[in-house]
Amino acid sequence: MNVDPLTGQTLPANAYQRVLYVAPKVHVYQIPPLTSTKGYQASTWTADNNKRQIFTARLRVVETSIPTTSASAEDNGESDKITTALLLEDPASGQLFAAAPYTSPNVVEQALDSSRFFAVTVVGEGRKAVLGMGFEERSEAFDFSIALQDARRVLGFEANPNAPPKPGGGSKKAPVEEAKKDFSLKEGETISINLGGLKGRRERREETKSPAEQKSEQDALFSIKPPPGSGGSPFLPPPPSAKSVKEERRRSRQSFEPKPEDLGFDDGEFGEFQ
């Protein structure tokens, strides 16, 4: 049998609950009223050797879902009634100490100077108060923040990126494909290229020159002669073949090979090899 953690009343038989997060030990503080619009400073809670700490509790984040039973509600697209609450309980007996219905993201605010401390708005007996809550480990505080993020998506506080698009919620217009231009030449068409009037500029320069200047330029152009021995041919002779180079080297070695007489040897009657 499920019981509403906030009111203590019995829930319908088709309702179900699930625990989003559990921390076995959190420290609860009585914090001073907020004096700045920027947020809460956890350093003021733990000052004077944790003088403001009032309780060490077990924290549970519980989600309650009550399915809709009305046919008209289902036809109108109404979903199940889902609520989420933060429960601060006695670690030993499980007795509820304080509850914070998670009705808006402002119910839980992280401290400005620490990622392990949060300001939680709790309600009870028609009254409302803001209590400080601190975790001993940063990993516990991180897991708590992730659980609240999932709860905000389920409750509709934040958009769920993985949710399917709603019917009738508007559709994106398909991008209009621009018409591709055809630059190919059709049969019988030609293309002309304008070189920027180079011929016209050359003709204008020739017109501005006097006949004497034009004749001197022609004489200088045709007065260039090839170097002596070239025969007027601009081509160089072919390189010698490898065979001819080897033959030339062999003849050179034979012509300069010294004879025994040149080296001081005597082949006569009294030679040393007699």
Protein backbone atom coordinates (compact mmCIF):
# COMPACT_ATOMS: atom_id res chain seq x y z
CA MET A 1 0.00 0.00 0.00
CA ASN A 2 1.47 3.32 -1.14
CA VAL A 3 1.14 6.42 0.99
CA ASP A 4 1.49 10.02 -0.14
CA PRO A 5 4.73 11.19 1.54
CA LEU A 6 3.43 14.74 1.85
CA THR A 7 -0.09 14.20 3.17
CA GLY A 8 0.20 10.72 4.63
CA GLN A 9 -2.94 9.62 2.81
CA THR A 10 -3.30 6.29 1.06
CA LEU A 11 -2.78 6.43 -2.69
CA PRO A 12 -4.98 4.65 -5.25
CA ALA A 13 -4.22 1.03 -5.99
CA ASN A 14 -2.95 1.82 -9.50
CA ALA A 15 -0.54 4.51 -8.28
CA TYR A 16 3.14 3.72 -8.07
CA GLN A 17 6.20 5.33 -6.56
CA ARG A 18 9.88 5.18 -7.35
CA VAL A 19 12.88 6.50 -5.46
CA LEU A 20 15.05 8.73 -7.63
CA TYR A 21 17.83 9.25 -5.12
CA VAL A 22 18.87 8.27 -1.57
CA ALA A 23 21.60 9.81 0.61
CA PRO A 24 22.08 8.04 3.96
CA LYS A 25 23.39 11.16 5.72
CA VAL A 26 22.96 14.86 5.03
CA HIS A 27 23.44 17.77 7.40
CA VAL A 28 20.56 20.18 7.88
CA TYR A 29 21.14 23.81 8.90
CA GLN A 30 18.97 26.65 10.10
CA ILE A 31 20.14 29.41 7.82
CA PRO A 32 19.60 33.16 8.09
CA PRO A 33 17.18 34.92 5.72
CA LEU A 34 18.51 35.73 2.30
CA THR A 35 19.87 39.27 2.20
CA SER A 36 21.18 39.30 -1.37
CA THR A 37 19.49 38.56 -4.66
CA LYS A 38 22.60 36.72 -5.85
CA GLY A 39 22.01 33.63 -3.71
CA TYR A 40 23.05 31.80 -0.55
CA GLN A 41 26.51 31.57 0.99
CA ALA A 42 27.19 28.21 2.66
CA SER A 43 30.16 29.60 4.55
CA THR A 44 27.75 31.45 6.87
CA TRP A 45 25.97 28.17 7.74
CA THR A 46 29.06 26.31 8.87
CA ALA A 47 30.63 29.23 10.76
CA ASP A 48 31.37 28.95 14.49
CA ASN A 49 32.00 25.19 14.34
CA ASN A 50 28.65 24.32 12.65
CA LYS A 51 26.67 26.21 15.26
CA ARG A 52 23.66 26.42 12.91
CA GLN A 53 23.43 22.66 12.25
CA ILE A 54 20.18 21.31 13.71
CA PHE A 55 19.81 17.78 12.37
CA THR A 56 21.47 14.93 10.48
CA ALA A 57 18.93 13.27 8.23
CA ARG A 58 18.47 10.71 5.51
CA LEU A 59 17.44 12.24 2.20
CA ARG A 60 15.11 10.55 -0.27
CA VAL A 61 13.80 11.94 -3.56
CA VAL A 62 10.52 10.17 -4.30
CA GLU A 63 8.43 10.36 -7.47
CA THR A 64 4.71 9.52 -7.27
CA SER A 65 2.61 8.80 -10.36
CA ILE A 66 -1.16 8.45 -10.37
CA PRO A 67 -2.57 7.25 -13.72
CA THR A 68 -5.63 8.98 -15.14
CA THR A 69 -8.76 6.84 -15.05
CA SER A 70 -11.14 9.22 -16.80
CA ALA A 71 -11.81 8.43 -20.45
CA SER A 72 -12.33 12.12 -21.23
CA ALA A 73 -8.95 12.93 -19.75
CA GLU A 74 -7.27 10.32 -21.93
CA ASP A 75 -9.07 11.62 -25.00
CA ASN A 76 -7.84 15.14 -24.23
CA GLY A 77 -4.27 13.86 -24.11
CA GLU A 78 -3.85 14.37 -20.35
CA SER A 79 -0.99 12.33 -18.90
CA ASP A 80 -0.56 10.77 -15.47
CA LYS A 81 -0.38 13.03 -12.45
CA ILE A 82 3.27 13.02 -11.39
CA THR A 83 4.68 14.67 -8.28
CA THR A 84 8.18 14.69 -6.79
CA ALA A 85 9.17 15.43 -3.21
CA LEU A 86 12.37 15.68 -1.17
CA LEU A 87 12.00 13.89 2.18
CA LEU A 88 14.28 14.53 5.16
CA GLU A 89 13.82 11.58 7.50
CA ASP A 90 15.26 10.22 10.73
CA PRO A 91 18.04 7.79 9.69
CA ALA A 92 17.13 5.31 12.41
CA SER A 93 13.32 5.31 12.58
CA GLY A 94 12.46 6.67 9.13
CA GLN A 95 10.15 9.28 10.68
CA LEU A 96 9.59 12.28 8.44
CA PHE A 97 11.34 15.41 9.68
CA ALA A 98 10.65 17.83 6.79
CA ALA A 99 9.34 17.57 3.23
CA ALA A 100 9.94 19.77 0.22
CA PRO A 101 7.47 19.34 -2.67
CA TYR A 102 9.45 19.87 -5.87
CA THR A 103 6.95 22.16 -7.56
CA SER A 104 9.47 24.48 -9.22
CA PRO A 105 13.24 24.62 -9.77
CA ASN A 106 13.52 27.34 -7.10
CA VAL A 107 12.64 24.84 -4.36
CA VAL A 108 16.30 23.71 -4.39
CA GLU A 109 19.04 26.29 -4.92
CA GLN A 110 22.74 25.49 -4.91
CA ALA A 111 24.99 27.61 -2.72
CA LEU A 112 27.24 30.10 -4.48
CA ASP A 113 30.45 29.11 -2.72
CA SER A 114 30.15 25.30 -2.61
CA SER A 115 28.81 22.49 -4.78
CA ARG A 116 28.01 20.36 -1.69
CA PHE A 117 25.47 22.71 -0.11
CA PHE A 118 21.90 23.56 -1.12
CA ALA A 119 19.08 25.73 0.18
CA VAL A 120 15.81 23.74 0.31
CA THR A 121 12.33 25.21 0.80
CA VAL A 122 10.35 22.86 3.07
CA VAL A 123 6.65 23.05 4.01
CA GLY A 124 4.69 21.63 6.91
CA GLU A 125 1.52 22.48 8.80
CA GLY A 126 0.82 25.37 6.49
CA ARG A 127 4.20 26.98 7.07
CA LYS A 128 7.21 27.38 4.83
CA ALA A 129 10.90 27.62 5.71
CA VAL A 130 14.26 27.52 3.98
CA LEU A 131 16.77 25.07 5.39
CA GLY A 132 20.38 24.49 4.46
CA MET A 133 21.42 21.01 3.39
CA GLY A 134 24.97 19.78 2.97
CA PHE A 135 26.54 16.57 1.64
CA GLU A 136 29.77 15.15 2.98
CA GLU A 137 30.98 14.00 -0.45
CA ARG A 138 30.98 15.90 -3.73
CA SER A 139 29.98 12.74 -5.61
CA GLU A 140 26.78 12.53 -3.55
CA ALA A 141 25.93 16.13 -4.35
CA PHE A 142 26.59 15.50 -8.04
CA ASP A 143 24.27 12.47 -8.12
CA PHE A 144 21.63 14.53 -6.31
CA SER A 145 21.83 17.25 -8.97
CA ILE A 146 21.47 14.65 -11.75
CA ALA A 147 18.36 13.20 -10.06
CA LEU A 148 16.80 16.65 -9.85
CA GLN A 149 17.60 17.28 -13.50
CA ASP A 150 15.71 14.12 -14.51
CA ALA A 151 12.82 15.12 -12.27
CA ARG A 152 12.60 18.54 -13.89
CA ARG A 153 12.30 16.94 -17.33
CA VAL A 154 9.56 14.58 -16.18
CA LEU A 155 7.66 17.39 -14.48
CA GLY A 156 7.98 19.62 -17.54
CA PHE A 157 10.26 22.24 -15.98
CA GLU A 158 12.84 21.58 -18.69
CA ALA A 159 12.56 20.35 -22.26
CA ASN A 160 13.47 16.71 -22.72
CA PRO A 161 15.80 16.38 -25.74
CA ASN A 162 14.94 12.66 -26.06
CA ALA A 163 11.18 13.14 -26.06
CA PRO A 164 9.35 12.44 -29.35
CA PRO A 165 7.77 15.47 -31.08
CA LYS A 166 4.21 16.20 -30.09
CA PRO A 167 1.53 15.79 -32.77
CA GLY A 168 0.36 19.10 -34.13
CA GLY A 169 3.21 20.87 -32.47
CA GLY A 170 4.29 22.43 -35.69
CA SER A 171 6.47 21.09 -38.40
CA LYS A 172 9.58 22.52 -39.84
CA LYS A 173 9.35 23.69 -43.38
CA ALA A 174 11.40 21.70 -45.77
CA PRO A 175 14.26 23.74 -47.14
CA VAL A 176 13.53 25.06 -50.59
CA GLU A 177 16.08 23.70 -52.99
CA GLU A 178 17.49 26.41 -55.14
CA ALA A 179 17.15 25.89 -58.87
CA LYS A 180 20.50 24.89 -60.34
CA LYS A 181 21.65 27.03 -63.23
CA ASP A 182 22.75 25.25 -66.40
CA PHE A 183 25.92 26.83 -67.79
CA SER A 184 26.54 24.20 -70.47
CA LEU A 185 26.63 25.25 -74.14
CA LYS A 186 23.69 24.29 -76.26
CA GLU A 187 24.09 22.89 -79.75
CA GLY A 188 25.22 25.60 -82.18
CA GLU A 189 26.30 28.04 -79.43
CA THR A 190 29.83 29.43 -79.23
CA ILE A 191 31.79 31.32 -76.64
CA SER A 192 34.13 34.27 -77.17
CA ILE A 193 36.93 35.42 -74.85
CA ASN A 194 37.91 39.08 -74.55
CA LEU A 195 41.57 39.53 -73.69
CA GLY A 196 41.01 42.99 -72.35
CA GLY A 197 41.91 44.99 -75.46
CA LEU A 198 45.57 43.99 -75.57
CA LYS A 199 45.64 44.31 -79.36
CA GLY A 200 44.09 47.75 -79.24
CA ARG A 201 46.63 48.98 -76.69
CA ARG A 202 49.50 47.64 -78.79
CA GLU A 203 48.15 49.31 -81.89
CA ARG A 204 47.76 52.59 -79.99
CA ARG A 205 51.38 52.40 -78.80
CA GLU A 206 52.59 51.71 -82.36
CA GLU A 207 50.60 54.69 -83.63
CA THR A 208 52.22 57.06 -81.12
CA LYS A 209 55.77 56.09 -82.22
CA SER A 210 57.47 57.99 -85.00
CA PRO A 211 58.67 56.16 -88.13
CA ALA A 212 62.31 56.71 -87.07
CA GLU A 213 61.71 55.06 -83.67
CA GLN A 214 59.96 52.09 -85.25
CA LYS A 215 62.86 51.63 -87.75
CA SER A 216 65.51 51.80 -85.00
CA GLU A 217 63.68 49.13 -82.99
CA GLN A 218 63.52 46.86 -86.04
CA ASP A 219 67.25 47.37 -86.76
CA ALA A 220 68.11 46.53 -83.13
CA LEU A 221 65.93 43.45 -83.27
CA PHE A 222 67.56 42.02 -86.41
CA SER A 223 71.13 43.09 -85.48
CA ILE A 224 71.39 40.31 -82.87
CA LYS A 225 73.87 37.69 -84.13
CA PRO A 226 74.57 34.20 -82.84
CA PRO A 227 77.90 33.57 -81.05
CA PRO A 228 80.93 32.62 -83.20
CA GLY A 229 81.12 28.97 -84.11
CA SER A 230 77.48 28.28 -83.51
CA GLY A 231 76.69 28.41 -87.18
CA GLY A 232 73.55 30.24 -86.39
CA SER A 233 71.99 27.08 -84.99
CA PRO A 234 70.35 27.46 -81.56
CA PHE A 235 70.73 23.73 -80.80
CA LEU A 236 73.66 22.30 -78.77
CA PRO A 237 75.58 19.20 -80.02
CA PRO A 238 74.52 15.90 -78.50
CA PRO A 239 76.56 14.59 -75.54
CA PRO A 240 79.15 11.84 -76.22
CA SER A 241 78.12 8.24 -75.72
CA ALA A 242 79.31 6.14 -72.77
CA LYS A 243 81.36 3.91 -75.07
CA SER A 244 83.31 6.81 -76.52
CA VAL A 245 84.00 8.19 -73.05
CA LYS A 246 85.42 4.83 -71.87
CA GLU A 247 87.61 4.55 -75.02
CA GLU A 248 88.96 8.05 -74.47
CA ARG A 249 89.88 7.25 -70.85
CA ARG A 250 91.64 3.99 -71.91
CA ARG A 251 93.79 5.81 -74.49
CA SER A 252 94.68 8.43 -71.91
CA ARG A 253 95.89 5.81 -69.42
CA GLN A 254 98.01 4.07 -72.11
CA SER A 255 99.68 7.29 -73.25
CA PHE A 256 100.68 8.21 -69.69
CA GLU A 257 101.61 4.68 -68.44
CA PRO A 258 105.34 4.82 -67.33
CA LYS A 259 107.93 2.40 -68.67
CA PRO A 260 110.39 0.41 -66.47
CA GLU A 261 113.26 2.62 -67.58
CA ASP A 262 111.33 5.67 -66.40
CA LEU A 263 111.02 4.13 -62.93
CA GLY A 264 114.80 3.35 -62.58
CA PHE A 265 114.84 -0.41 -63.35
CA ASP A 266 117.68 -1.96 -65.39
CA ASP A 267 116.89 -4.82 -67.75
CA GLY A 268 120.54 -5.07 -69.00
CA GLU A 269 123.21 -7.63 -68.32
CA PHE A 270 123.60 -6.77 -64.67
CA GLY A 271 119.99 -6.36 -63.83
CA GLU A 272 118.74 -7.52 -60.42
CA PHE A 273 116.45 -10.07 -62.02
CA GLN A 274 119.34 -11.92 -63.79
